[in-house]
Amino acid sequence: MSENKAELLVGGVVLAAAAGFFAYLVNATGISGTTAGSYELTASFRSVQGIAVGTDVKMAGVKVGTITSLDLNPTTFRADARFTVKDNLELPDDSAILVSSEGLLGGNFIEIVPGGSPFNLEPGGEIEDTQGAVGLISLLMKFVAASSGEAEE
């Protein structure tokens, strides 16, 4: 009888630990699916290389939202992104949004640069001033081309 109690106790501890890990996973990655305390905005990018659903949306280095969907627009051939932003954050309607990198080896994220307009974006609104991802190879090619052009002069 004491073996059954011990097995039940160990099984309960294992289940509690698994539930704790799952709760931590949901909280740490933001995959809970709830958008309580936030509203959704959209933007259309030339390139979202390195960005995926769940990628952070930051302002001044602070996470203020998350990418919720990415789709290719068949009419404009641009990447349409939907993302959430915290409710307490009122963005001017002339704000810009761009794909930024955390460094040479870091990942990419979406950065919002606030504008100066007295009018704010409404929930469901679109940020029109966008800048897509810049590939490292194309950046190096531009640098090499500029350097070789200076050497010839």
C-alpha atoms as a PDB file:
ATOM      1  CA  MET A   1       0.000   0.000   0.000  1.00  0.00           C
ATOM      2  CA  SER A   2       2.866   2.400   0.761  1.00  0.00           C
ATOM      3  CA  GLU A   3       4.293   1.774  -2.750  1.00  0.00           C
ATOM      4  CA  ASN A   4       1.027   3.035  -4.300  1.00  0.00           C
ATOM      5  CA  LYS A   5       1.160   6.212  -2.203  1.00  0.00           C
ATOM      6  CA  ALA A   6       4.784   6.815  -3.181  1.00  0.00           C
ATOM      7  CA  GLU A   7       4.016   6.280  -6.890  1.00  0.00           C
ATOM      8  CA  LEU A   8       1.027   8.616  -6.692  1.00  0.00           C
ATOM      9  CA  LEU A   9       3.106  11.256  -4.941  1.00  0.00           C
ATOM     10  CA  VAL A  10       5.930  11.032  -7.511  1.00  0.00           C
ATOM     11  CA  GLY A  11       3.418  11.084 -10.375  1.00  0.00           C
ATOM     12  CA  GLY A  12       1.766  14.206  -8.917  1.00  0.00           C
ATOM     13  CA  VAL A  13       5.129  15.939  -8.559  1.00  0.00           C
ATOM     14  CA  VAL A  14       6.049  15.105 -12.175  1.00  0.00           C
ATOM     15  CA  LEU A  15       2.692  16.429 -13.449  1.00  0.00           C
ATOM     16  CA  ALA A  16       3.043  19.612 -11.389  1.00  0.00           C
ATOM     17  CA  ALA A  17       6.578  20.164 -12.768  1.00  0.00           C
ATOM     18  CA  ALA A  18       5.360  19.608 -16.346  1.00  0.00           C
ATOM     19  CA  ALA A  19       2.523  22.103 -15.819  1.00  0.00           C
ATOM     20  CA  GLY A  20       5.023  24.607 -14.397  1.00  0.00           C
ATOM     21  CA  PHE A  21       7.337  24.237 -17.409  1.00  0.00           C
ATOM     22  CA  PHE A  22       4.390  24.672 -19.787  1.00  0.00           C
ATOM     23  CA  ALA A  23       3.240  27.825 -17.973  1.00  0.00           C
ATOM     24  CA  TYR A  24       6.788  29.200 -18.138  1.00  0.00           C
ATOM     25  CA  LEU A  25       6.996  28.407 -21.870  1.00  0.00           C
ATOM     26  CA  VAL A  26       3.754  30.208 -22.613  1.00  0.00           C
ATOM     27  CA  ASN A  27       4.766  33.224 -20.535  1.00  0.00           C
ATOM     28  CA  ALA A  28       8.351  33.467 -21.844  1.00  0.00           C
ATOM     29  CA  THR A  29       7.534  33.102 -25.532  1.00  0.00           C
ATOM     30  CA  GLY A  30       4.281  35.037 -25.630  1.00  0.00           C
ATOM     31  CA  ILE A  31       2.427  32.253 -27.453  1.00  0.00           C
ATOM     32  CA  SER A  32      -0.567  32.382 -25.169  1.00  0.00           C
ATOM     33  CA  GLY A  33      -2.708  33.697 -28.012  1.00  0.00           C
ATOM     34  CA  THR A  34      -4.284  36.338 -25.821  1.00  0.00           C
ATOM     35  CA  THR A  35      -3.956  39.939 -26.815  1.00  0.00           C
ATOM     36  CA  ALA A  36      -5.517  41.404 -23.679  1.00  0.00           C
ATOM     37  CA  GLY A  37      -4.155  44.854 -23.041  1.00  0.00           C
ATOM     38  CA  SER A  38      -3.104  45.389 -26.647  1.00  0.00           C
ATOM     39  CA  TYR A  39      -4.421  46.463 -30.029  1.00  0.00           C
ATOM     40  CA  GLU A  40      -3.521  45.395 -33.554  1.00  0.00           C
ATOM     41  CA  LEU A  41      -1.843  47.430 -36.296  1.00  0.00           C
ATOM     42  CA  THR A  42      -0.623  46.571 -39.789  1.00  0.00           C
ATOM     43  CA  ALA A  43       2.317  47.471 -42.023  1.00  0.00           C
ATOM     44  CA  SER A  44       3.489  46.450 -45.486  1.00  0.00           C
ATOM     45  CA  PHE A  45       7.213  45.716 -45.995  1.00  0.00           C
ATOM     46  CA  ARG A  46       9.381  45.203 -49.072  1.00  0.00           C
ATOM     47  CA  SER A  47      11.225  42.443 -47.190  1.00  0.00           C
ATOM     48  CA  VAL A  48      10.716  40.796 -43.788  1.00  0.00           C
ATOM     49  CA  GLN A  49      13.755  38.531 -43.980  1.00  0.00           C
ATOM     50  CA  GLY A  50      14.535  37.175 -40.510  1.00  0.00           C
ATOM     51  CA  ILE A  51      11.079  38.033 -39.112  1.00  0.00           C
ATOM     52  CA  ALA A  52       8.481  35.417 -38.147  1.00  0.00           C
ATOM     53  CA  VAL A  53       5.236  35.207 -36.214  1.00  0.00           C
ATOM     54  CA  GLY A  54       6.114  35.815 -32.567  1.00  0.00           C
ATOM     55  CA  THR A  55       8.991  38.203 -33.305  1.00  0.00           C
ATOM     56  CA  ASP A  56       9.271  41.125 -30.878  1.00  0.00           C
ATOM     57  CA  VAL A  57       8.096  44.616 -31.750  1.00  0.00           C
ATOM     58  CA  LYS A  58      10.260  47.135 -29.885  1.00  0.00           C
ATOM     59  CA  MET A  59      10.406  50.847 -29.272  1.00  0.00           C
ATOM     60  CA  ALA A  60      13.599  52.378 -27.829  1.00  0.00           C
ATOM     61  CA  GLY A  61      14.818  48.837 -27.135  1.00  0.00           C
ATOM     62  CA  VAL A  62      11.766  47.911 -25.037  1.00  0.00           C
ATOM     63  CA  LYS A  63       9.343  45.198 -26.163  1.00  0.00           C
ATOM     64  CA  VAL A  64       5.935  46.763 -26.814  1.00  0.00           C
ATOM     65  CA  GLY A  65       4.312  44.077 -28.952  1.00  0.00           C
ATOM     66  CA  THR A  66       4.542  40.951 -31.076  1.00  0.00           C
ATOM     67  CA  ILE A  67       4.142  39.989 -34.745  1.00  0.00           C
ATOM     68  CA  THR A  68       0.863  38.044 -35.054  1.00  0.00           C
ATOM     69  CA  SER A  69       0.789  37.247 -38.795  1.00  0.00           C
ATOM     70  CA  LEU A  70       2.814  37.603 -41.991  1.00  0.00           C
ATOM     71  CA  ASP A  71       1.300  37.210 -45.462  1.00  0.00           C
ATOM     72  CA  LEU A  72       2.395  37.934 -49.015  1.00  0.00           C
ATOM     73  CA  ASN A  73       0.082  40.419 -50.694  1.00  0.00           C
ATOM     74  CA  PRO A  74      -0.547  38.978 -54.216  1.00  0.00           C
ATOM     75  CA  THR A  75      -1.392  42.425 -55.598  1.00  0.00           C
ATOM     76  CA  THR A  76       1.572  44.459 -54.357  1.00  0.00           C
ATOM     77  CA  PHE A  77       4.032  41.549 -53.850  1.00  0.00           C
ATOM     78  CA  ARG A  78       4.897  43.000 -50.445  1.00  0.00           C
ATOM     79  CA  ALA A  79       4.854  41.312 -47.042  1.00  0.00           C
ATOM     80  CA  ASP A  80       1.831  42.383 -45.010  1.00  0.00           C
ATOM     81  CA  ALA A  81       2.485  42.183 -41.274  1.00  0.00           C
ATOM     82  CA  ARG A  82      -0.030  42.305 -38.435  1.00  0.00           C
ATOM     83  CA  PHE A  83       1.274  43.024 -34.966  1.00  0.00           C
ATOM     84  CA  THR A  84       0.033  43.961 -31.531  1.00  0.00           C
ATOM     85  CA  VAL A  85       1.023  46.988 -29.485  1.00  0.00           C
ATOM     86  CA  LYS A  86       0.313  47.628 -25.789  1.00  0.00           C
ATOM     87  CA  ASP A  87      -2.919  49.536 -25.106  1.00  0.00           C
ATOM     88  CA  ASN A  88      -1.209  52.257 -23.091  1.00  0.00           C
ATOM     89  CA  LEU A  89       0.994  53.149 -26.084  1.00  0.00           C
ATOM     90  CA  GLU A  90      -0.510  55.816 -28.332  1.00  0.00           C
ATOM     91  CA  LEU A  91       1.472  55.996 -31.569  1.00  0.00           C
ATOM     92  CA  PRO A  92       1.392  59.107 -33.763  1.00  0.00           C
ATOM     93  CA  ASP A  93      -0.052  58.366 -37.215  1.00  0.00           C
ATOM     94  CA  ASP A  94       3.203  59.411 -38.935  1.00  0.00           C
ATOM     95  CA  SER A  95       5.303  56.836 -37.055  1.00  0.00           C
ATOM     96  CA  ALA A  96       7.766  54.675 -38.987  1.00  0.00           C
ATOM     97  CA  ILE A  97       8.423  50.959 -38.641  1.00  0.00           C
ATOM     98  CA  LEU A  98      11.503  49.052 -39.747  1.00  0.00           C
ATOM     99  CA  VAL A  99      13.181  45.677 -39.585  1.00  0.00           C
ATOM    100  CA  SER A 100      16.225  46.026 -37.322  1.00  0.00           C
ATOM    101  CA  SER A 101      18.996  43.681 -36.267  1.00  0.00           C
ATOM    102  CA  GLU A 102      20.304  43.092 -32.759  1.00  0.00           C
ATOM    103  CA  GLY A 103      23.828  43.026 -34.143  1.00  0.00           C
ATOM    104  CA  LEU A 104      25.956  41.103 -36.587  1.00  0.00           C
ATOM    105  CA  LEU A 105      25.107  37.734 -35.044  1.00  0.00           C
ATOM    106  CA  GLY A 106      21.846  38.681 -33.320  1.00  0.00           C
ATOM    107  CA  GLY A 107      18.320  38.121 -34.529  1.00  0.00           C
ATOM    108  CA  ASN A 108      16.003  40.561 -36.215  1.00  0.00           C
ATOM    109  CA  PHE A 109      13.103  42.437 -34.661  1.00  0.00           C
ATOM    110  CA  ILE A 110      10.609  45.112 -35.651  1.00  0.00           C
ATOM    111  CA  GLU A 111      11.364  48.639 -34.418  1.00  0.00           C
ATOM    112  CA  ILE A 112       8.815  51.434 -34.210  1.00  0.00           C
ATOM    113  CA  VAL A 113      10.095  55.004 -34.524  1.00  0.00           C
ATOM    114  CA  PRO A 114       7.419  57.413 -33.270  1.00  0.00           C
ATOM    115  CA  GLY A 115       6.505  60.411 -35.371  1.00  0.00           C
ATOM    116  CA  GLY A 116       5.501  63.902 -34.289  1.00  0.00           C
ATOM    117  CA  SER A 117       1.894  64.094 -35.454  1.00  0.00           C
ATOM    118  CA  PRO A 118      -0.736  65.194 -32.920  1.00  0.00           C
ATOM    119  CA  PHE A 119      -3.058  62.479 -34.296  1.00  0.00           C
ATOM    120  CA  ASN A 120      -2.713  58.872 -33.153  1.00  0.00           C
ATOM    121  CA  LEU A 121      -3.166  55.581 -34.973  1.00  0.00           C
ATOM    122  CA  GLU A 122      -6.480  53.880 -34.310  1.00  0.00           C
ATOM    123  CA  PRO A 123      -6.680  50.141 -33.549  1.00  0.00           C
ATOM    124  CA  GLY A 124      -6.519  48.305 -36.880  1.00  0.00           C
ATOM    125  CA  GLY A 125      -4.658  51.234 -38.473  1.00  0.00           C
ATOM    126  CA  GLU A 126      -1.676  50.966 -40.791  1.00  0.00           C
ATOM    127  CA  ILE A 127       1.831  52.347 -40.430  1.00  0.00           C
ATOM    128  CA  GLU A 128       2.719  53.461 -43.939  1.00  0.00           C
ATOM    129  CA  ASP A 129       6.362  54.513 -43.498  1.00  0.00           C
ATOM    130  CA  THR A 130       8.195  51.163 -43.573  1.00  0.00           C
ATOM    131  CA  GLN A 131      11.732  49.968 -44.174  1.00  0.00           C
ATOM    132  CA  GLY A 132      12.374  46.314 -44.932  1.00  0.00           C
ATOM    133  CA  ALA A 133      15.266  44.095 -43.975  1.00  0.00           C
ATOM    134  CA  VAL A 134      18.684  44.827 -45.395  1.00  0.00           C
ATOM    135  CA  GLY A 135      20.634  41.685 -46.266  1.00  0.00           C
ATOM    136  CA  LEU A 136      24.203  41.464 -45.015  1.00  0.00           C
ATOM    137  CA  ILE A 137      25.505  40.313 -48.416  1.00  0.00           C
ATOM    138  CA  SER A 138      23.904  43.228 -50.286  1.00  0.00           C
ATOM    139  CA  LEU A 139      25.279  45.638 -47.687  1.00  0.00           C
ATOM    140  CA  LEU A 140      28.791  44.214 -48.122  1.00  0.00           C
ATOM    141  CA  MET A 141      28.455  44.404 -51.928  1.00  0.00           C
ATOM    142  CA  LYS A 142      27.549  48.098 -51.700  1.00  0.00           C
ATOM    143  CA  PHE A 143      30.545  48.697 -49.433  1.00  0.00           C
ATOM    144  CA  VAL A 144      32.919  46.879 -51.801  1.00  0.00           C
ATOM    145  CA  ALA A 145      31.507  48.728 -54.832  1.00  0.00           C
ATOM    146  CA  ALA A 146      31.888  52.085 -53.082  1.00  0.00           C
ATOM    147  CA  SER A 147      35.441  51.278 -51.995  1.00  0.00           C
ATOM    148  CA  SER A 148      36.513  50.166 -55.484  1.00  0.00           C
ATOM    149  CA  GLY A 149      34.947  53.308 -56.988  1.00  0.00           C
ATOM    150  CA  GLU A 150      37.046  55.522 -54.689  1.00  0.00           C
ATOM    151  CA  ALA A 151      40.232  53.603 -55.534  1.00  0.00           C
ATOM    152  CA  GLU A 152      39.815  54.251 -59.270  1.00  0.00           C
ATOM    153  CA  GLU A 153      39.493  58.011 -58.845  1.00  0.00           C
END
